[in-house]
Amino acid sequence: MGIFDWLFGNREAQIASSIEEILTFEEQVNALYMKQLALDVNAEFLARAFSQSTFKIRTNNRSDPTNYQKSIEYLLNTRPNLDQASPEFWHSVIYRLITKNEVLIIKTDDDQLLMADSWYRKEYAVYVDTFTNVVVKDYEYKRTFSADEVIYLKYANTSLSHYINGMYKDFNDLYNRMYEAAKRNGQIRGILKTIGGNLYQDEATLEVLQTYINKLFKSFSTNDVSVVNVPNKLEYSEMTNKVGNSTQSVEELKAWKRQYIDDVSDLLGIPTKLLHGDIGELEQAQEIFNAYCLGPLVKKVEGELNAKFLTESEIKSGIAINVIGINRRDLFDLAEAIDKLIASGAFNRNEIRKELDYDAIENGDEYYITKNYEKEVNANENQT
């Protein structure tokens, strides 16, 4: 075997192997695309909903917030950092929390909130965890951050993690089959016959024929309207599928795409009616979303902000950071219930206001009761 045979003898096997690798890679890309698409749709929806929230410092003693507390409200509500406004910042935070299952926010020396792109977390059993190698955009911090000086949120949705990491094989196989069927439905297939068996036997004539065939199918594939001349002794006919079959396949592909999205929304607790804009039972779907999806997320963020921005004494005195979002209850819907709670003497006005995320008011701690609410014994005495 010569040196050139050794170098180039397995060229066909190398090409075949490369083609197989490309096809395998394409299948993996298709699977990853569908996973990412479903996750993006749901994460974007939840991030948009949370980004409409406002952050408020609630004081239990009706005193005005301190300058430090006002600075916290400005930081959370208006401009967390020099490059982002509050809605954009919280949108990116929640999106990363859902798609990456965790998010780290650091506070710089000049009071900016920055979302980290990567970090290393060192966990301890009885000591405070530390974060090192924190990278924001292209800058890596050389210092070590302790857990009590950063905002660290973890979504901790095990079912979603398992689902994303390896559950799509069956769906992907079916999608690929339908995709190939859709391509075949729109494919142009034709037969070119020669009339007379010995007309195109020499190489020169065959070369001319092949050039004609190439030009013929190039015209079919590139032009919307194509008129070609068929020479004598040649006959061309098509075997193209009917157009109606393609429409059905496209609808099936759309249905499978929706199935990917619906599966992820079920794990996140997002009603599919809200995602797809279905009008029927929209109000009920919104209530479910507020209670079982957005509500727990708001509580998670509230808990972390209170733990990191407020001291123990402030929290014990009744000061708290409230996240008020689209899940806030409508006062007009609750008006009758509020009236009954206050009129029965079960709650005072400040207790109701606290439950609805409003500040306390002066004289709001007094209890009121309507005249017809009295003990049965007193009622009998009045009758006698």
Protein backbone atom coordinates (compact mmCIF):
# COMPACT_ATOMS: atom_id res chain seq x y z
CA MET A 1 0.00 0.00 0.00
CA GLY A 2 1.43 3.40 -1.03
CA ILE A 3 1.48 6.51 1.08
CA PHE A 4 -1.36 8.09 -0.93
CA ASP A 5 -3.49 4.98 -0.58
CA TRP A 6 -2.91 5.08 3.16
CA LEU A 7 -3.86 8.77 3.36
CA PHE A 8 -6.84 8.81 1.01
CA GLY A 9 -7.92 5.19 0.70
CA ASN A 10 -10.63 5.46 3.43
CA ARG A 11 -12.04 8.72 2.09
CA GLU A 12 -15.48 7.24 1.34
CA ALA A 13 -15.73 5.74 4.84
CA GLN A 14 -14.74 9.08 6.37
CA ILE A 15 -17.42 10.89 4.37
CA ALA A 16 -20.06 8.33 5.37
CA SER A 17 -19.07 8.67 9.02
CA SER A 18 -19.23 12.46 8.82
CA ILE A 19 -22.70 12.36 7.27
CA GLU A 20 -23.92 10.06 10.04
CA GLU A 21 -22.52 12.41 12.69
CA ILE A 22 -24.19 15.41 11.04
CA LEU A 23 -27.56 13.65 10.97
CA THR A 24 -27.24 12.63 14.61
CA PHE A 25 -26.31 16.18 15.57
CA GLU A 26 -29.31 17.54 13.65
CA GLU A 27 -31.67 15.26 15.57
CA GLN A 28 -30.20 16.44 18.88
CA VAL A 29 -30.52 20.08 17.83
CA ASN A 30 -34.19 19.56 16.96
CA ALA A 31 -34.85 18.03 20.37
CA LEU A 32 -33.04 20.82 22.20
CA TYR A 33 -34.89 23.43 20.17
CA MET A 34 -38.30 22.09 21.14
CA LYS A 35 -37.31 21.86 24.80
CA GLN A 36 -35.94 25.38 24.83
CA LEU A 37 -38.94 26.76 22.96
CA ALA A 38 -41.41 25.32 25.47
CA LEU A 39 -39.34 26.55 28.40
CA ASP A 40 -38.88 30.02 26.89
CA VAL A 41 -42.61 30.53 26.31
CA ASN A 42 -43.48 29.65 29.90
CA ALA A 43 -40.55 31.47 31.49
CA GLU A 44 -41.25 34.62 29.47
CA PHE A 45 -44.91 34.57 30.52
CA LEU A 46 -44.07 34.21 34.21
CA ALA A 47 -41.29 36.81 34.02
CA ARG A 48 -43.59 39.34 32.36
CA ALA A 49 -46.21 38.80 35.05
CA PHE A 50 -43.73 39.28 37.91
CA SER A 51 -42.05 42.31 36.32
CA GLN A 52 -45.29 44.26 36.83
CA SER A 53 -44.85 44.03 40.60
CA THR A 54 -43.99 46.89 42.93
CA PHE A 55 -42.01 46.65 46.17
CA LYS A 56 -43.21 48.49 49.27
CA ILE A 57 -41.81 48.89 52.77
CA ARG A 58 -44.64 48.35 55.23
CA THR A 59 -44.31 49.91 58.68
CA ASN A 60 -46.57 48.61 61.43
CA ASN A 61 -46.40 51.71 63.65
CA ARG A 62 -47.63 54.14 60.95
CA SER A 63 -44.34 56.04 61.00
CA ASP A 64 -42.73 57.22 57.79
CA PRO A 65 -40.03 54.96 56.29
CA THR A 66 -36.44 55.91 57.10
CA ASN A 67 -34.07 57.17 54.43
CA TYR A 68 -32.50 53.72 54.24
CA GLN A 69 -35.90 52.11 53.70
CA LYS A 70 -36.75 54.66 51.03
CA SER A 71 -33.46 53.88 49.28
CA ILE A 72 -34.43 50.19 49.26
CA GLU A 73 -37.76 51.03 47.61
CA TYR A 74 -35.98 53.16 44.99
CA LEU A 75 -33.49 50.39 44.31
CA LEU A 76 -36.17 47.73 43.91
CA ASN A 77 -38.80 49.79 42.11
CA THR A 78 -36.97 52.28 39.92
CA ARG A 79 -33.33 51.65 39.04
CA PRO A 80 -31.58 48.58 40.40
CA ASN A 81 -28.42 49.38 38.42
CA LEU A 82 -27.06 51.87 35.92
CA ASP A 83 -28.00 49.77 32.88
CA GLN A 84 -31.49 48.53 33.71
CA ALA A 85 -34.82 49.85 34.89
CA SER A 86 -36.75 47.84 37.44
CA PRO A 87 -39.14 45.97 35.05
CA GLU A 88 -36.28 44.85 32.80
CA PHE A 89 -34.14 43.80 35.74
CA TRP A 90 -36.80 41.70 37.45
CA HIS A 91 -37.85 40.21 34.13
CA SER A 92 -34.31 38.93 33.58
CA VAL A 93 -34.07 37.71 37.19
CA ILE A 94 -37.25 35.63 37.04
CA TYR A 95 -36.46 34.34 33.55
CA ARG A 96 -33.09 33.03 34.73
CA LEU A 97 -34.63 31.62 37.90
CA ILE A 98 -37.05 29.51 35.85
CA THR A 99 -34.68 28.46 33.07
CA LYS A 100 -31.58 27.89 35.22
CA ASN A 101 -33.35 26.91 38.47
CA GLU A 102 -31.35 29.48 40.47
CA VAL A 103 -30.23 33.11 40.36
CA LEU A 104 -27.67 35.17 42.27
CA ILE A 105 -27.92 38.94 42.78
CA ILE A 106 -25.06 40.87 44.34
CA LYS A 107 -25.07 44.39 45.78
CA THR A 108 -22.06 46.47 44.82
CA ASP A 109 -20.29 49.04 46.96
CA ASP A 110 -22.09 51.84 45.10
CA ASP A 111 -25.51 50.28 45.84
CA GLN A 112 -26.28 48.57 42.54
CA LEU A 113 -28.05 45.25 42.16
CA LEU A 114 -26.35 43.05 39.56
CA MET A 115 -27.40 39.61 38.39
CA ALA A 116 -24.48 37.20 38.18
CA ASP A 117 -23.88 35.11 35.06
CA SER A 118 -21.88 32.42 36.85
CA TRP A 119 -20.50 31.64 40.30
CA TYR A 120 -19.25 28.91 42.58
CA ARG A 121 -21.17 28.23 45.79
CA LYS A 122 -19.44 26.66 48.77
CA GLU A 123 -21.97 25.14 51.16
CA TYR A 124 -21.38 24.62 54.87
CA ALA A 125 -23.35 22.74 57.50
CA VAL A 126 -23.29 25.30 60.33
CA TYR A 127 -21.54 28.31 58.77
CA VAL A 128 -22.76 30.79 56.21
CA ASP A 129 -22.37 29.66 52.59
CA THR A 130 -19.94 31.60 50.40
CA PHE A 131 -19.93 32.55 46.72
CA THR A 132 -16.70 32.88 44.78
CA ASN A 133 -15.70 33.33 41.12
CA VAL A 134 -18.74 35.56 40.64
CA VAL A 135 -18.90 36.78 37.03
CA VAL A 136 -21.12 39.65 35.86
CA LYS A 137 -20.98 40.07 32.08
CA ASP A 138 -17.21 40.03 31.36
CA TYR A 139 -16.04 41.03 34.83
CA GLU A 140 -15.06 38.51 37.51
CA TYR A 141 -15.07 39.58 41.15
CA LYS A 142 -11.99 38.53 43.07
CA ARG A 143 -13.68 38.83 46.45
CA THR A 144 -15.75 36.25 48.32
CA PHE A 145 -19.43 36.99 48.97
CA SER A 146 -21.14 35.51 52.00
CA ALA A 147 -24.72 34.31 51.73
CA ASP A 148 -26.01 37.02 54.07
CA GLU A 149 -24.87 39.82 51.72
CA VAL A 150 -26.31 38.51 48.45
CA ILE A 151 -29.77 37.66 47.18
CA TYR A 152 -29.84 34.00 46.21
CA LEU A 153 -33.02 32.38 44.91
CA LYS A 154 -33.50 28.76 44.00
CA TYR A 155 -36.65 27.60 42.23
CA ALA A 156 -36.22 24.00 43.37
CA ASN A 157 -38.71 22.47 40.93
CA THR A 158 -37.41 18.91 40.75
CA SER A 159 -40.14 17.75 38.39
CA LEU A 160 -39.32 20.51 35.91
CA SER A 161 -35.60 19.73 36.06
CA HIS A 162 -36.17 16.03 35.37
CA TYR A 163 -38.63 16.82 32.62
CA ILE A 164 -36.28 19.19 30.82
CA ASN A 165 -33.19 16.99 31.22
CA GLY A 166 -34.48 13.90 29.49
CA MET A 167 -38.13 13.29 28.84
CA TYR A 168 -38.59 14.37 25.24
CA LYS A 169 -37.31 11.39 23.28
CA ASP A 170 -40.71 10.01 22.31
CA PHE A 171 -42.10 13.41 21.39
CA ASN A 172 -38.99 14.18 19.37
CA ASP A 173 -39.21 10.95 17.38
CA LEU A 174 -42.84 11.61 16.48
CA TYR A 175 -42.13 15.22 15.59
CA ASN A 176 -39.24 14.24 13.30
CA ARG A 177 -41.43 11.69 11.51
CA MET A 178 -44.16 14.26 10.90
CA TYR A 179 -41.59 16.80 9.78
CA GLU A 180 -40.19 14.40 7.19
CA ALA A 181 -43.73 13.60 6.02
CA ALA A 182 -44.46 17.31 5.63
CA LYS A 183 -41.34 17.76 3.50
CA ARG A 184 -42.33 14.84 1.28
CA ASN A 185 -45.82 16.26 0.78
CA GLY A 186 -44.38 19.42 -0.76
CA GLN A 187 -41.58 17.75 -2.70
CA ILE A 188 -41.53 17.81 -6.51
CA ARG A 189 -40.93 14.33 -7.92
CA GLY A 190 -40.86 13.66 -11.63
CA ILE A 191 -39.86 11.09 -14.26
CA LEU A 192 -37.98 11.93 -17.47
CA LYS A 193 -38.38 9.23 -20.13
CA THR A 194 -36.46 8.87 -23.38
CA ILE A 195 -38.44 7.70 -26.38
CA GLY A 196 -36.23 5.30 -28.27
CA GLY A 197 -33.78 3.15 -26.39
CA ASN A 198 -30.57 3.81 -28.32
CA LEU A 199 -30.72 7.60 -28.70
CA TYR A 200 -28.64 8.52 -25.66
CA GLN A 201 -25.88 5.94 -25.44
CA ASP A 202 -22.67 7.89 -26.13
CA GLU A 203 -21.06 9.94 -23.35
CA ALA A 204 -21.29 13.29 -25.14
CA THR A 205 -25.04 12.98 -25.65
CA LEU A 206 -25.55 11.81 -22.04
CA GLU A 207 -23.63 14.83 -20.79
CA VAL A 208 -25.84 17.18 -22.79
CA LEU A 209 -28.92 15.39 -21.45
CA GLN A 210 -27.71 15.70 -17.86
CA THR A 211 -27.07 19.43 -18.32
CA TYR A 212 -30.63 19.85 -19.60
CA ILE A 213 -32.07 17.91 -16.63
CA ASN A 214 -30.13 20.07 -14.16
CA LYS A 215 -31.44 23.27 -15.74
CA LEU A 216 -34.97 21.83 -15.82
CA PHE A 217 -35.17 21.08 -12.08
CA LYS A 218 -33.32 24.28 -11.15
CA SER A 219 -36.08 26.18 -12.93
CA PHE A 220 -38.74 24.20 -11.01
CA SER A 221 -37.09 24.76 -7.62
CA THR A 222 -36.28 28.48 -7.91
CA ASN A 223 -39.17 29.97 -9.92
CA ASP A 224 -42.78 30.37 -8.79
CA VAL A 225 -43.96 30.00 -12.39
CA SER A 226 -41.77 27.89 -14.66
CA VAL A 227 -42.24 27.14 -18.38
CA VAL A 228 -39.72 24.81 -20.00
CA ASN A 229 -39.28 23.32 -23.43
CA VAL A 230 -39.27 19.54 -23.69
CA PRO A 231 -37.19 18.40 -26.70
CA ASN A 232 -38.27 15.68 -29.06
CA LYS A 233 -37.77 12.13 -27.95
CA LEU A 234 -38.16 13.19 -24.25
CA GLU A 235 -41.22 12.89 -22.02
CA TYR A 236 -41.53 14.50 -18.55
CA SER A 237 -44.25 13.65 -15.98
CA GLU A 238 -44.71 14.55 -12.27
CA MET A 239 -45.59 12.35 -9.30
CA THR A 240 -46.03 15.24 -6.83
CA ASN A 241 -48.37 14.76 -3.87
CA LYS A 242 -51.50 16.90 -3.62
CA VAL A 243 -51.25 20.14 -1.67
CA GLY A 244 -54.04 19.20 0.74
CA ASN A 245 -51.89 16.66 2.56
CA SER A 246 -49.33 19.32 3.48
CA THR A 247 -51.89 21.44 5.33
CA GLN A 248 -52.87 18.56 7.55
CA SER A 249 -49.25 17.87 8.46
CA VAL A 250 -48.62 21.51 9.37
CA GLU A 251 -51.61 21.44 11.73
CA GLU A 252 -50.24 18.30 13.34
CA LEU A 253 -46.85 19.95 13.80
CA LYS A 254 -48.52 22.94 15.47
CA ALA A 255 -50.40 20.58 17.78
CA TRP A 256 -47.18 18.84 18.85
CA LYS A 257 -45.47 22.19 19.40
CA ARG A 258 -48.36 23.20 21.66
CA GLN A 259 -48.06 19.90 23.52
CA TYR A 260 -44.44 20.69 24.41
CA ILE A 261 -45.49 24.07 25.80
CA ASP A 262 -48.47 22.66 27.71
CA ASP A 263 -46.37 20.00 29.43
CA VAL A 264 -43.97 22.60 30.84
CA SER A 265 -46.82 24.92 31.86
CA ASP A 266 -48.40 22.10 33.86
CA LEU A 267 -45.19 21.67 35.85
CA LEU A 268 -44.97 25.42 36.52
CA GLY A 269 -48.64 25.74 37.42
CA ILE A 270 -49.51 28.10 34.55
CA PRO A 271 -53.00 27.50 33.10
CA THR A 272 -52.67 26.81 29.39
CA LYS A 273 -55.65 29.06 28.64
CA LEU A 274 -53.58 32.08 29.66
CA LEU A 275 -50.59 31.03 27.56
CA HIS A 276 -52.55 30.51 24.36
CA GLY A 277 -55.00 33.39 24.84
CA ASP A 278 -58.12 31.22 25.09
CA ILE A 279 -61.03 33.43 26.10
CA GLY A 280 -63.17 30.80 27.78
CA GLU A 281 -62.96 30.74 31.59
CA LEU A 282 -60.15 33.31 31.49
CA GLU A 283 -61.01 34.80 34.89
CA GLN A 284 -60.86 31.43 36.62
CA ALA A 285 -57.56 30.63 34.89
CA GLN A 286 -56.13 33.95 36.11
CA GLU A 287 -57.16 33.15 39.69
CA ILE A 288 -55.48 29.75 39.49
CA PHE A 289 -52.32 31.32 38.10
CA ASN A 290 -52.23 33.95 40.86
CA ALA A 291 -52.81 31.42 43.63
CA TYR A 292 -50.66 28.47 42.60
CA CYS A 293 -47.94 29.89 40.35
CA LEU A 294 -47.31 33.61 40.84
CA GLY A 295 -48.26 33.69 44.54
CA PRO A 296 -45.63 31.18 45.75
CA LEU A 297 -42.99 32.90 43.61
CA VAL A 298 -43.85 36.28 45.16
CA LYS A 299 -43.56 34.78 48.66
CA LYS A 300 -40.17 33.29 47.80
CA VAL A 301 -38.82 36.64 46.62
CA GLU A 302 -40.39 38.47 49.58
CA GLY A 303 -38.76 36.12 52.08
CA GLU A 304 -35.30 36.55 50.56
CA LEU A 305 -35.56 40.35 50.36
CA ASN A 306 -36.74 40.66 53.96
CA ALA A 307 -33.95 38.40 55.19
CA LYS A 308 -31.23 40.32 53.35
CA PHE A 309 -32.35 43.97 53.53
CA LEU A 310 -33.95 44.17 57.00
CA THR A 311 -32.51 43.49 60.42
CA GLU A 312 -34.02 41.17 62.99
CA SER A 313 -35.20 44.08 65.13
CA GLU A 314 -36.91 45.75 62.15
CA ILE A 315 -38.79 42.59 61.27
CA LYS A 316 -39.85 42.06 64.90
CA SER A 317 -41.19 45.62 65.02
CA GLY A 318 -43.47 44.87 62.09
CA ILE A 319 -41.46 46.33 59.21
CA ALA A 320 -41.55 44.22 56.06
CA ILE A 321 -40.96 44.36 52.32
CA ASN A 322 -44.09 43.46 50.38
CA VAL A 323 -44.14 42.46 46.71
CA ILE A 324 -47.41 43.73 45.25
CA GLY A 325 -48.13 42.22 41.88
CA ILE A 326 -50.99 41.37 39.55
CA ASN A 327 -52.05 38.72 42.06
CA ARG A 328 -53.23 41.51 44.37
CA ARG A 329 -56.89 41.03 45.23
CA ASP A 330 -59.47 43.50 43.94
CA LEU A 331 -60.89 45.64 46.77
CA PHE A 332 -64.30 45.97 45.13
CA ASP A 333 -64.65 42.19 44.95
CA LEU A 334 -63.83 41.98 48.67
CA ALA A 335 -65.89 44.98 49.82
CA GLU A 336 -68.80 42.96 51.20
CA ALA A 337 -66.50 40.50 53.00
CA ILE A 338 -64.43 43.36 54.48
CA ASP A 339 -67.57 45.03 55.78
CA LYS A 340 -68.72 41.85 57.52
CA LEU A 341 -65.30 41.22 59.09
CA ILE A 342 -65.15 44.73 60.56
CA ALA A 343 -68.84 44.96 61.50
CA SER A 344 -68.68 41.65 63.40
CA GLY A 345 -65.78 42.89 65.50
CA ALA A 346 -63.62 39.95 64.42
CA PHE A 347 -60.94 42.26 62.91
CA ASN A 348 -60.08 45.93 63.04
CA ARG A 349 -59.32 48.11 60.02
CA ASN A 350 -55.54 47.95 60.32
CA GLU A 351 -55.58 44.16 60.44
CA ILE A 352 -57.59 44.13 57.22
CA ARG A 353 -55.28 46.73 55.61
CA LYS A 354 -52.22 44.66 56.53
CA GLU A 355 -53.76 41.59 54.94
CA LEU A 356 -54.35 43.60 51.74
CA ASP A 357 -50.81 45.08 51.71
CA TYR A 358 -51.81 48.59 52.76
CA ASP A 359 -50.19 50.75 55.43
CA ALA A 360 -51.80 51.14 58.83
CA ILE A 361 -53.81 54.30 59.56
CA GLU A 362 -54.36 56.34 62.68
CA ASN A 363 -57.12 54.97 64.97
CA GLY A 364 -57.26 51.90 62.76
CA ASP A 365 -56.63 49.57 65.69
CA GLU A 366 -60.08 50.23 67.18
CA TYR A 367 -62.77 47.57 66.90
CA TYR A 368 -66.28 48.30 65.68
CA ILE A 369 -69.43 46.23 65.98
CA THR A 370 -72.87 46.88 64.59
CA LYS A 371 -75.78 47.24 67.03
CA ASN A 372 -77.51 44.00 66.09
CA TYR A 373 -74.41 41.94 66.99
CA GLU A 374 -74.96 41.17 70.69
CA LYS A 375 -75.07 38.19 73.00
CA GLU A 376 -78.20 36.08 73.12
CA VAL A 377 -78.50 36.64 76.89
CA ASN A 378 -78.62 40.39 76.47
CA ALA A 379 -81.21 40.05 73.74
CA ASN A 380 -83.51 38.02 76.06
CA GLU A 381 -83.08 40.59 78.84
CA ASN A 382 -84.10 43.41 76.54
CA GLN A 383 -87.27 41.56 75.57
CA THR A 384 -88.34 41.21 79.24
